Protein backbone atom coordinates (compact mmCIF):
# COMPACT_ATOMS: atom_id res chain seq x y z
CA MET A 1 0.00 0.00 0.00
CA ASN A 2 1.28 3.51 -0.84
CA GLU A 3 0.24 7.07 0.06
CA ASN A 4 -2.36 7.10 -2.76
CA GLU A 5 -4.22 4.07 -1.40
CA ILE A 6 -6.48 3.43 1.56
CA ASN A 7 -7.37 0.18 3.32
CA VAL A 8 -11.03 -0.29 4.26
CA ASN A 9 -11.97 -3.55 5.98
CA GLY A 10 -9.05 -5.35 4.36
CA LYS A 11 -9.69 -4.03 0.83
CA VAL A 12 -7.23 -1.58 -0.73
CA TYR A 13 -8.68 1.31 -2.77
CA ALA A 14 -6.86 3.86 -4.90
CA LEU A 15 -7.55 7.49 -4.00
CA LYS A 16 -9.04 9.56 -6.79
CA ASN A 17 -6.94 12.42 -8.14
CA ASP A 18 -9.42 15.27 -8.67
CA ALA A 19 -7.25 17.06 -11.25
CA GLU A 20 -8.13 16.16 -14.82
CA LYS A 21 -5.33 14.72 -16.95
CA LYS A 22 -4.89 14.49 -20.72
CA ASP A 23 -2.25 12.05 -21.87
CA GLY A 24 -0.67 12.40 -18.43
CA MET A 25 -0.83 16.23 -18.49
CA GLU A 26 -2.60 18.02 -15.66
CA TYR A 27 -5.14 20.80 -16.27
CA VAL A 28 -3.84 23.88 -14.48
CA ILE A 29 -4.17 27.62 -14.10
CA ILE A 30 -0.89 29.47 -14.72
CA ARG A 31 -0.26 33.07 -13.70
CA THR A 32 2.62 34.86 -15.38
CA CYS A 33 4.48 37.99 -14.44
CA SER A 34 3.20 40.12 -17.31
CA ALA A 35 1.32 38.00 -19.90
CA GLY A 36 -1.69 37.30 -17.71
CA VAL A 37 -3.42 34.13 -16.55
CA PHE A 38 -4.01 30.95 -18.58
CA ALA A 39 -5.84 27.67 -18.08
CA GLY A 40 -4.90 24.51 -19.95
CA TYR A 41 -2.89 21.32 -19.92
CA LEU A 42 0.66 21.75 -18.65
CA LYS A 43 2.84 19.99 -21.22
CA GLU A 44 6.21 21.11 -19.93
CA ARG A 45 7.86 23.44 -17.49
CA LYS A 46 11.50 24.52 -17.71
CA GLY A 47 12.39 27.02 -15.02
CA LYS A 48 9.99 29.92 -15.50
CA GLU A 49 8.92 28.82 -19.00
CA SER A 50 5.72 26.78 -19.33
CA THR A 51 4.17 25.12 -22.38
CA ILE A 52 0.38 24.93 -22.18
CA LEU A 53 -1.90 22.99 -24.54
CA ASP A 54 -5.57 23.85 -25.22
CA ALA A 55 -4.89 27.12 -23.43
CA ARG A 56 -7.44 29.80 -22.62
CA ARG A 57 -6.43 33.23 -21.41
CA LEU A 58 -8.47 34.09 -18.31
CA TRP A 59 -8.73 37.76 -19.13
CA GLN A 60 -11.43 38.60 -16.59
CA TRP A 61 -13.40 36.39 -14.24
CA LYS A 62 -16.36 36.78 -11.93
CA GLY A 63 -17.95 34.32 -9.57
CA ALA A 64 -14.68 33.45 -7.81
CA ALA A 65 -12.86 35.62 -5.28
CA SER A 66 -9.39 34.52 -6.40
CA LEU A 67 -7.52 32.22 -8.74
CA SER A 68 -7.38 29.72 -5.88
CA GLN A 69 -11.17 29.60 -5.66
CA LEU A 70 -11.45 29.48 -9.46
CA ALA A 71 -9.08 26.47 -9.50
CA GLU A 72 -11.06 24.65 -6.80
CA GLU A 73 -14.68 25.55 -7.54
CA GLY A 74 -14.80 27.20 -10.94
CA THR A 75 -16.92 30.27 -11.57
CA SER A 76 -20.45 30.79 -10.27
CA ASP A 77 -20.95 33.57 -12.86
CA PRO A 78 -19.83 32.27 -16.27
CA ASP A 79 -21.65 35.09 -18.10
CA GLY A 80 -19.52 37.63 -16.23
CA CYS A 81 -16.24 36.05 -17.41
CA LYS A 82 -14.17 37.10 -20.41
CA PHE A 83 -12.26 34.05 -21.64
CA PRO A 84 -11.26 34.19 -25.35
CA GLN A 85 -11.13 31.05 -27.44
CA GLU A 86 -8.45 28.51 -26.63
CA VAL A 87 -5.27 28.12 -28.65
CA LYS A 88 -3.67 24.78 -29.44
CA GLN A 89 -0.39 25.67 -27.70
CA ILE A 90 1.26 28.61 -26.02
CA ILE A 91 4.65 29.01 -24.42
CA VAL A 92 4.66 31.54 -21.61
CA THR A 93 7.70 32.92 -19.85
CA GLU A 94 7.90 34.27 -16.33
CA THR A 95 5.55 31.69 -14.82
CA ILE A 96 5.04 32.74 -11.21
CA GLU A 97 2.17 30.49 -10.08
CA ILE A 98 0.75 27.11 -11.15
CA LEU A 99 -2.51 25.91 -9.60
CA SER A 100 -3.93 22.41 -10.00
CA VAL A 101 -7.54 22.55 -11.20
CA THR A 102 -10.31 20.21 -10.05
CA GLU A 103 -12.55 18.45 -12.54
CA LYS A 104 -15.49 20.65 -11.48
CA ALA A 105 -13.46 23.84 -12.02
CA LYS A 106 -12.04 22.60 -15.34
CA ASN A 107 -15.54 21.97 -16.68
CA SER A 108 -16.62 25.40 -15.47
CA ILE A 109 -13.71 27.13 -17.24
CA ILE A 110 -14.12 25.15 -20.47
CA ASN A 111 -17.85 25.86 -20.58
CA VAL A 112 -17.55 29.63 -20.30
CA GLY A 113 -18.65 31.08 -23.63
CA ILE A 114 -15.96 32.45 -25.93
CA TRP A 115 -15.52 36.18 -25.42
CA LYS A 116 -15.21 38.14 -28.66
CA VAL A 117 -15.31 41.82 -29.58
């Protein structure tokens, strides 16, 4: 038995990881020093440089007090959010924060309508 398992009445169960994965990549929110905030699958991180797949810029959000709450619970006000369409891949420099995103929050972020002007 390891730290990701639990024993209940002699049966060993694997603990569920709430963060969604795609081909082993975790869905995350990344805050950068000057390029803004992004949500997507973290493909690679080298120092302060991060490669994100299926990335959406989180330009403005409502319905969450902070990025931490957004990563845990998602938004309670999707119509108040301004998230442009996702891009296949982006490389951002000056990554200063990476937050794991729960399945509930991931679905909330993905389902926010595409903001266009």
